[in-house]
Amino acid sequence: MRIREPNVRHALPPDLPELPTPNSFCTDTTLTKHIVPAAHGYAFAVNKGSRFHVIDLYGEQIVDFMAWVHDKPFTRIEKMSTAYTRYYLSGVQPAIGECLWTNADRPLFRVTADTVKVHDMTFMSCYPELYQKMGLKGHRSCAQNIFEAMQEWGMRNILEIAEPFNIFQNTPNYSLKRLGSSKPGDYIEFEALEDAVCAVSSCPYDLNGVNGGQITEIAVVIAEKK
């Protein structure tokens, strides 16, 4: 049970539309599914008002998620920020109906369904040097996965990646160890409140039993209104 003091809880934006029902995801929509290979990344655009699922196909697979407002032209300046999100959520994970915020103090996504309700907003993405220091040269990483996926959107340096919302990552007390929370078929659903470019990574961290000790593919399903 989450407990928030009344004087620190921040109100939701007053102009949010009514929370959609789970059944409406497939009603009068066109569905597009993409399988993301294990230990790799994928970038995709979503329009304001559309919804999408990030699905753990086999269980215990962490998914790093980042996003940028799709301005015209696309600049990647305004991005999803876990720091702003933690402020608005008083440091806890988003519940259904709550939002992920940008570094421009705007809500970017709303959580509209969630079968796990355990995620992380504290850890950075794993990165190439992290593995190199362990003697694992050439090991894939979330930072590299998302950088590769975002190159078609103009990203030219791995340091341009954003702060990750680590879907399905169970890290109480900042402890990174095997505490898998997601089961096969579990998902989180987001509603885009602005046009956005998103990127996901099937996290390649396969040490100490994290990710169940075996990296697996994930799926992204986008529902666009007809």
C-alpha atoms as a PDB file:
ATOM      1  CA  MET A   1       0.000   0.000   0.000  1.00  0.00           C
ATOM      2  CA  ARG A   2       1.329   3.428  -0.920  1.00  0.00           C
ATOM      3  CA  ILE A   3       0.979   6.237   1.613  1.00  0.00           C
ATOM      4  CA  ARG A   4       1.552   9.844   0.665  1.00  0.00           C
ATOM      5  CA  GLU A   5       1.289  12.829   2.927  1.00  0.00           C
ATOM      6  CA  PRO A   6      -1.355  15.291   1.665  1.00  0.00           C
ATOM      7  CA  ASN A   7       1.119  18.172   1.757  1.00  0.00           C
ATOM      8  CA  VAL A   8       3.591  16.488  -0.620  1.00  0.00           C
ATOM      9  CA  ARG A   9       1.326  14.844  -3.187  1.00  0.00           C
ATOM     10  CA  HIS A  10       1.158  16.756  -6.443  1.00  0.00           C
ATOM     11  CA  ALA A  11      -2.079  16.948  -8.368  1.00  0.00           C
ATOM     12  CA  LEU A  12      -2.539  15.399 -11.805  1.00  0.00           C
ATOM     13  CA  PRO A  13      -2.890  17.807 -14.730  1.00  0.00           C
ATOM     14  CA  PRO A  14      -6.506  19.046 -14.730  1.00  0.00           C
ATOM     15  CA  ASP A  15      -6.980  18.642 -18.498  1.00  0.00           C
ATOM     16  CA  LEU A  16      -6.202  14.903 -18.704  1.00  0.00           C
ATOM     17  CA  PRO A  17      -8.880  12.968 -20.628  1.00  0.00           C
ATOM     18  CA  GLU A  18     -10.828  10.227 -18.875  1.00  0.00           C
ATOM     19  CA  LEU A  19      -8.739   7.146 -18.115  1.00  0.00           C
ATOM     20  CA  PRO A  20      -9.351   4.603 -20.908  1.00  0.00           C
ATOM     21  CA  THR A  21     -10.520   1.091 -20.132  1.00  0.00           C
ATOM     22  CA  PRO A  22      -8.227  -1.910 -20.779  1.00  0.00           C
ATOM     23  CA  ASN A  23     -10.685  -3.357 -23.316  1.00  0.00           C
ATOM     24  CA  SER A  24     -10.535  -0.196 -25.400  1.00  0.00           C
ATOM     25  CA  PHE A  25      -6.905  -0.901 -26.341  1.00  0.00           C
ATOM     26  CA  CYS A  26      -8.098  -3.152 -29.169  1.00  0.00           C
ATOM     27  CA  THR A  27     -11.357  -1.320 -29.933  1.00  0.00           C
ATOM     28  CA  ASP A  28     -11.375   0.836 -33.081  1.00  0.00           C
ATOM     29  CA  THR A  29      -7.591   0.808 -33.205  1.00  0.00           C
ATOM     30  CA  THR A  30      -4.886  -0.433 -35.529  1.00  0.00           C
ATOM     31  CA  LEU A  31      -2.348  -2.619 -33.704  1.00  0.00           C
ATOM     32  CA  THR A  32       1.315  -2.741 -34.658  1.00  0.00           C
ATOM     33  CA  LYS A  33       3.576  -5.318 -32.974  1.00  0.00           C
ATOM     34  CA  HIS A  34       7.371  -5.367 -32.931  1.00  0.00           C
ATOM     35  CA  ILE A  35       9.543  -8.062 -31.346  1.00  0.00           C
ATOM     36  CA  VAL A  36      12.763  -6.656 -29.878  1.00  0.00           C
ATOM     37  CA  PRO A  37      15.568  -9.247 -29.943  1.00  0.00           C
ATOM     38  CA  ALA A  38      17.174 -10.216 -26.648  1.00  0.00           C
ATOM     39  CA  ALA A  39      19.882  -7.761 -25.540  1.00  0.00           C
ATOM     40  CA  HIS A  40      18.998  -5.289 -28.312  1.00  0.00           C
ATOM     41  CA  GLY A  41      17.038  -2.052 -28.661  1.00  0.00           C
ATOM     42  CA  TYR A  42      14.237  -0.512 -30.681  1.00  0.00           C
ATOM     43  CA  ALA A  43      13.030   3.061 -31.282  1.00  0.00           C
ATOM     44  CA  PHE A  44       9.535   4.047 -32.397  1.00  0.00           C
ATOM     45  CA  ALA A  45       7.278   7.077 -32.693  1.00  0.00           C
ATOM     46  CA  VAL A  46       3.854   7.451 -31.104  1.00  0.00           C
ATOM     47  CA  ASN A  47       1.227  10.106 -31.703  1.00  0.00           C
ATOM     48  CA  LYS A  48      -0.583  12.008 -28.982  1.00  0.00           C
ATOM     49  CA  GLY A  49      -3.565   9.976 -27.860  1.00  0.00           C
ATOM     50  CA  SER A  50      -2.163   6.595 -28.908  1.00  0.00           C
ATOM     51  CA  ARG A  51      -1.337   3.835 -26.446  1.00  0.00           C
ATOM     52  CA  PHE A  52       1.291   1.138 -26.351  1.00  0.00           C
ATOM     53  CA  HIS A  53       2.240  -1.971 -24.407  1.00  0.00           C
ATOM     54  CA  VAL A  54       5.745  -2.994 -23.394  1.00  0.00           C
ATOM     55  CA  ILE A  55       5.508  -6.756 -22.858  1.00  0.00           C
ATOM     56  CA  ASP A  56       7.810  -9.191 -21.052  1.00  0.00           C
ATOM     57  CA  LEU A  57       7.366 -12.316 -23.155  1.00  0.00           C
ATOM     58  CA  TYR A  58       9.262 -14.801 -20.966  1.00  0.00           C
ATOM     59  CA  GLY A  59       9.463 -13.230 -17.492  1.00  0.00           C
ATOM     60  CA  GLU A  60      12.059 -11.461 -15.312  1.00  0.00           C
ATOM     61  CA  GLN A  61      13.288  -9.304 -18.214  1.00  0.00           C
ATOM     62  CA  ILE A  62      14.120  -5.684 -17.414  1.00  0.00           C
ATOM     63  CA  VAL A  63      13.339  -3.127 -20.115  1.00  0.00           C
ATOM     64  CA  ASP A  64      15.069   0.257 -20.161  1.00  0.00           C
ATOM     65  CA  PHE A  65      12.620   2.857 -21.505  1.00  0.00           C
ATOM     66  CA  MET A  66      13.445   6.390 -22.673  1.00  0.00           C
ATOM     67  CA  ALA A  67      11.483   8.994 -24.619  1.00  0.00           C
ATOM     68  CA  TRP A  68      11.732  12.413 -26.221  1.00  0.00           C
ATOM     69  CA  VAL A  69       9.029  14.884 -27.222  1.00  0.00           C
ATOM     70  CA  HIS A  70       8.636  14.658 -31.002  1.00  0.00           C
ATOM     71  CA  ASP A  71       8.820  18.330 -31.811  1.00  0.00           C
ATOM     72  CA  LYS A  72       9.078  19.521 -35.411  1.00  0.00           C
ATOM     73  CA  PRO A  73      11.936  19.468 -36.265  1.00  0.00           C
ATOM     74  CA  PHE A  74      12.934  16.724 -33.841  1.00  0.00           C
ATOM     75  CA  THR A  75      15.557  18.158 -31.473  1.00  0.00           C
ATOM     76  CA  ARG A  76      15.651  15.612 -28.590  1.00  0.00           C
ATOM     77  CA  ILE A  77      15.882  18.541 -26.142  1.00  0.00           C
ATOM     78  CA  GLU A  78      12.690  17.855 -24.187  1.00  0.00           C
ATOM     79  CA  LYS A  79      12.820  14.324 -22.833  1.00  0.00           C
ATOM     80  CA  MET A  80      11.254  12.099 -20.234  1.00  0.00           C
ATOM     81  CA  SER A  81      12.858  12.760 -16.857  1.00  0.00           C
ATOM     82  CA  THR A  82      12.790  10.360 -13.929  1.00  0.00           C
ATOM     83  CA  ALA A  83      13.914  13.216 -11.667  1.00  0.00           C
ATOM     84  CA  TYR A  84      10.826  15.307 -12.503  1.00  0.00           C
ATOM     85  CA  THR A  85       8.680  12.183 -12.291  1.00  0.00           C
ATOM     86  CA  ARG A  86      10.001  11.320  -8.828  1.00  0.00           C
ATOM     87  CA  TYR A  87       9.180  14.854  -7.706  1.00  0.00           C
ATOM     88  CA  TYR A  88       5.588  14.650  -8.896  1.00  0.00           C
ATOM     89  CA  LEU A  89       5.123  11.143  -7.482  1.00  0.00           C
ATOM     90  CA  SER A  90       6.848  11.912  -4.174  1.00  0.00           C
ATOM     91  CA  GLY A  91       9.565   9.407  -4.978  1.00  0.00           C
ATOM     92  CA  VAL A  92       7.399   6.346  -5.586  1.00  0.00           C
ATOM     93  CA  GLN A  93       6.528   4.438  -8.731  1.00  0.00           C
ATOM     94  CA  PRO A  94       3.638   5.616 -10.907  1.00  0.00           C
ATOM     95  CA  ALA A  95       0.272   4.046 -10.208  1.00  0.00           C
ATOM     96  CA  ILE A  96      -2.327   3.524 -12.903  1.00  0.00           C
ATOM     97  CA  GLY A  97      -3.585   6.952 -13.928  1.00  0.00           C
ATOM     98  CA  GLU A  98      -0.367   8.748 -12.984  1.00  0.00           C
ATOM     99  CA  CYS A  99       2.161  10.262 -15.368  1.00  0.00           C
ATOM    100  CA  LEU A 100       5.782  10.273 -16.445  1.00  0.00           C
ATOM    101  CA  TRP A 101       7.032  13.844 -16.783  1.00  0.00           C
ATOM    102  CA  THR A 102       9.571  15.656 -18.961  1.00  0.00           C
ATOM    103  CA  ASN A 103      12.476  17.946 -18.114  1.00  0.00           C
ATOM    104  CA  ALA A 104      10.246  20.814 -19.308  1.00  0.00           C
ATOM    105  CA  ASP A 105       7.797  20.106 -16.452  1.00  0.00           C
ATOM    106  CA  ARG A 106       5.116  18.543 -18.664  1.00  0.00           C
ATOM    107  CA  PRO A 107       3.397  15.144 -18.464  1.00  0.00           C
ATOM    108  CA  LEU A 108       4.478  12.996 -21.420  1.00  0.00           C
ATOM    109  CA  PHE A 109       2.862   9.610 -20.735  1.00  0.00           C
ATOM    110  CA  ARG A 110       0.126   8.292 -18.487  1.00  0.00           C
ATOM    111  CA  VAL A 111       0.175   4.740 -17.149  1.00  0.00           C
ATOM    112  CA  THR A 112      -3.153   3.235 -18.226  1.00  0.00           C
ATOM    113  CA  ALA A 113      -2.587  -0.432 -17.301  1.00  0.00           C
ATOM    114  CA  ASP A 114       0.092  -2.333 -15.415  1.00  0.00           C
ATOM    115  CA  THR A 115       0.149  -6.031 -14.522  1.00  0.00           C
ATOM    116  CA  VAL A 116       3.361  -5.806 -12.484  1.00  0.00           C
ATOM    117  CA  LYS A 117       3.414  -2.410 -10.710  1.00  0.00           C
ATOM    118  CA  VAL A 118       7.103  -2.835  -9.816  1.00  0.00           C
ATOM    119  CA  HIS A 119       9.584  -0.677 -11.736  1.00  0.00           C
ATOM    120  CA  ASP A 120      12.705   1.401 -11.082  1.00  0.00           C
ATOM    121  CA  MET A 121      13.459   5.126 -11.410  1.00  0.00           C
ATOM    122  CA  THR A 122      16.857   5.226  -9.685  1.00  0.00           C
ATOM    123  CA  PHE A 123      19.440   3.285 -11.724  1.00  0.00           C
ATOM    124  CA  MET A 124      21.140   4.494 -14.882  1.00  0.00           C
ATOM    125  CA  SER A 125      21.282   2.326 -17.983  1.00  0.00           C
ATOM    126  CA  CYS A 126      24.088  -0.198 -18.085  1.00  0.00           C
ATOM    127  CA  TYR A 127      26.817   1.106 -20.393  1.00  0.00           C
ATOM    128  CA  PRO A 128      29.847  -0.299 -22.252  1.00  0.00           C
ATOM    129  CA  GLU A 129      32.477   0.860 -19.729  1.00  0.00           C
ATOM    130  CA  LEU A 130      30.603  -0.851 -16.881  1.00  0.00           C
ATOM    131  CA  TYR A 131      31.204  -4.225 -18.509  1.00  0.00           C
ATOM    132  CA  GLN A 132      34.732  -3.353 -19.630  1.00  0.00           C
ATOM    133  CA  LYS A 133      35.718  -2.702 -16.013  1.00  0.00           C
ATOM    134  CA  MET A 134      34.510  -6.238 -15.254  1.00  0.00           C
ATOM    135  CA  GLY A 135      36.674  -7.640 -18.031  1.00  0.00           C
ATOM    136  CA  LEU A 136      33.687  -8.159 -20.346  1.00  0.00           C
ATOM    137  CA  LYS A 137      34.833  -6.274 -23.415  1.00  0.00           C
ATOM    138  CA  GLY A 138      32.210  -6.137 -26.181  1.00  0.00           C
ATOM    139  CA  HIS A 139      29.308  -6.981 -23.846  1.00  0.00           C
ATOM    140  CA  ARG A 140      26.088  -5.358 -25.060  1.00  0.00           C
ATOM    141  CA  SER A 141      24.534  -2.624 -22.912  1.00  0.00           C
ATOM    142  CA  CYS A 142      21.282  -0.677 -22.696  1.00  0.00           C
ATOM    143  CA  ALA A 143      23.041   2.608 -23.404  1.00  0.00           C
ATOM    144  CA  GLN A 144      24.550   1.199 -26.591  1.00  0.00           C
ATOM    145  CA  ASN A 145      21.270  -0.473 -27.601  1.00  0.00           C
ATOM    146  CA  ILE A 146      19.313   2.747 -27.352  1.00  0.00           C
ATOM    147  CA  PHE A 147      22.042   4.808 -28.985  1.00  0.00           C
ATOM    148  CA  GLU A 148      22.061   2.411 -31.953  1.00  0.00           C
ATOM    149  CA  ALA A 149      18.265   2.482 -32.209  1.00  0.00           C
ATOM    150  CA  MET A 150      18.141   6.276 -32.000  1.00  0.00           C
ATOM    151  CA  GLN A 151      20.696   6.939 -34.724  1.00  0.00           C
ATOM    152  CA  GLU A 152      17.931   6.999 -37.330  1.00  0.00           C
ATOM    153  CA  TRP A 153      16.417   9.812 -35.262  1.00  0.00           C
ATOM    154  CA  GLY A 154      19.613  11.853 -35.410  1.00  0.00           C
ATOM    155  CA  MET A 155      21.426  10.779 -32.255  1.00  0.00           C
ATOM    156  CA  ARG A 156      25.175  11.033 -32.799  1.00  0.00           C
ATOM    157  CA  ASN A 157      26.679  10.470 -29.343  1.00  0.00           C
ATOM    158  CA  ILE A 158      25.890   7.842 -26.735  1.00  0.00           C
ATOM    159  CA  LEU A 159      25.904  10.576 -24.071  1.00  0.00           C
ATOM    160  CA  GLU A 160      22.706  11.973 -25.618  1.00  0.00           C
ATOM    161  CA  ILE A 161      20.633   9.145 -24.158  1.00  0.00           C
ATOM    162  CA  ALA A 162      18.036  10.101 -21.565  1.00  0.00           C
ATOM    163  CA  GLU A 163      17.301   8.910 -18.037  1.00  0.00           C
ATOM    164  CA  PRO A 164      15.732   5.437 -18.124  1.00  0.00           C
ATOM    165  CA  PHE A 165      12.461   4.320 -16.619  1.00  0.00           C
ATOM    166  CA  ASN A 166      13.462   0.713 -15.861  1.00  0.00           C
ATOM    167  CA  ILE A 167      10.345  -1.319 -16.538  1.00  0.00           C
ATOM    168  CA  PHE A 168       9.929  -4.515 -14.465  1.00  0.00           C
ATOM    169  CA  GLN A 169      13.147  -3.786 -12.506  1.00  0.00           C
ATOM    170  CA  ASN A 170      12.738  -4.626  -8.835  1.00  0.00           C
ATOM    171  CA  THR A 171      15.433  -2.747  -6.900  1.00  0.00           C
ATOM    172  CA  PRO A 172      14.330  -2.041  -3.317  1.00  0.00           C
ATOM    173  CA  ASN A 173      16.849  -0.114  -1.218  1.00  0.00           C
ATOM    174  CA  TYR A 174      18.961   0.477  -4.344  1.00  0.00           C
ATOM    175  CA  SER A 175      19.969  -3.202  -4.372  1.00  0.00           C
ATOM    176  CA  LEU A 176      20.564  -4.667  -7.828  1.00  0.00           C
ATOM    177  CA  LYS A 177      20.134  -8.429  -7.507  1.00  0.00           C
ATOM    178  CA  ARG A 178      17.784 -11.159  -8.626  1.00  0.00           C
ATOM    179  CA  LEU A 179      14.374  -9.977  -7.539  1.00  0.00           C
ATOM    180  CA  GLY A 180      12.415 -10.688 -10.692  1.00  0.00           C
ATOM    181  CA  SER A 181       8.918  -9.281 -10.497  1.00  0.00           C
ATOM    182  CA  SER A 182       7.493  -9.912 -13.966  1.00  0.00           C
ATOM    183  CA  LYS A 183       6.035 -13.139 -15.323  1.00  0.00           C
ATOM    184  CA  PRO A 184       5.619 -14.262 -18.952  1.00  0.00           C
ATOM    185  CA  GLY A 185       3.096 -12.010 -20.675  1.00  0.00           C
ATOM    186  CA  ASP A 186       3.189  -9.222 -18.105  1.00  0.00           C
ATOM    187  CA  TYR A 187       3.009  -5.707 -19.507  1.00  0.00           C
ATOM    188  CA  ILE A 188       2.745  -2.018 -18.785  1.00  0.00           C
ATOM    189  CA  GLU A 189       0.595   0.234 -20.948  1.00  0.00           C
ATOM    190  CA  PHE A 190       1.209   3.919 -21.613  1.00  0.00           C
ATOM    191  CA  GLU A 191      -0.939   6.618 -23.195  1.00  0.00           C
ATOM    192  CA  ALA A 192       0.994   9.288 -25.071  1.00  0.00           C
ATOM    193  CA  LEU A 193       0.017  12.790 -23.946  1.00  0.00           C
ATOM    194  CA  GLU A 194       2.266  14.375 -26.588  1.00  0.00           C
ATOM    195  CA  ASP A 195       3.822  13.184 -29.840  1.00  0.00           C
ATOM    196  CA  ALA A 196       6.927  11.278 -28.772  1.00  0.00           C
ATOM    197  CA  VAL A 197       9.834   9.164 -29.932  1.00  0.00           C
ATOM    198  CA  CYS A 198      10.424   6.211 -27.607  1.00  0.00           C
ATOM    199  CA  ALA A 199      13.269   3.750 -27.226  1.00  0.00           C
ATOM    200  CA  VAL A 200      13.428   0.449 -25.370  1.00  0.00           C
ATOM    201  CA  SER A 201      16.250  -1.958 -24.582  1.00  0.00           C
ATOM    202  CA  SER A 202      15.994  -5.611 -23.599  1.00  0.00           C
ATOM    203  CA  CYS A 203      18.529  -5.196 -20.806  1.00  0.00           C
ATOM    204  CA  PRO A 204      21.663  -7.305 -21.453  1.00  0.00           C
ATOM    205  CA  TYR A 205      22.748  -7.420 -17.788  1.00  0.00           C
ATOM    206  CA  ASP A 206      23.130 -11.162 -17.213  1.00  0.00           C
ATOM    207  CA  LEU A 207      25.238 -11.183 -14.030  1.00  0.00           C
ATOM    208  CA  ASN A 208      24.270 -12.422 -10.549  1.00  0.00           C
ATOM    209  CA  GLY A 209      20.957 -13.807 -11.768  1.00  0.00           C
ATOM    210  CA  VAL A 210      19.612 -10.401 -12.869  1.00  0.00           C
ATOM    211  CA  ASN A 211      17.103 -10.757 -15.712  1.00  0.00           C
ATOM    212  CA  GLY A 212      16.638 -14.346 -14.597  1.00  0.00           C
ATOM    213  CA  GLY A 213      20.211 -15.010 -15.724  1.00  0.00           C
ATOM    214  CA  GLN A 214      19.045 -15.297 -19.329  1.00  0.00           C
ATOM    215  CA  ILE A 215      18.290 -12.311 -21.564  1.00  0.00           C
ATOM    216  CA  THR A 216      15.101 -12.694 -23.592  1.00  0.00           C
ATOM    217  CA  GLU A 217      13.218 -10.826 -26.289  1.00  0.00           C
ATOM    218  CA  ILE A 218      10.410  -8.399 -25.523  1.00  0.00           C
ATOM    219  CA  ALA A 219       7.512  -6.967 -27.489  1.00  0.00           C
ATOM    220  CA  VAL A 220       6.090  -3.520 -28.156  1.00  0.00           C
ATOM    221  CA  VAL A 221       2.473  -3.225 -29.331  1.00  0.00           C
ATOM    222  CA  ILE A 222       1.187   0.168 -30.468  1.00  0.00           C
ATOM    223  CA  ALA A 223      -2.531   0.934 -30.687  1.00  0.00           C
ATOM    224  CA  GLU A 224      -3.354   3.845 -33.003  1.00  0.00           C
ATOM    225  CA  LYS A 225      -6.881   5.187 -33.282  1.00  0.00           C
ATOM    226  CA  LYS A 226      -8.535   4.395 -36.637  1.00  0.00           C
END
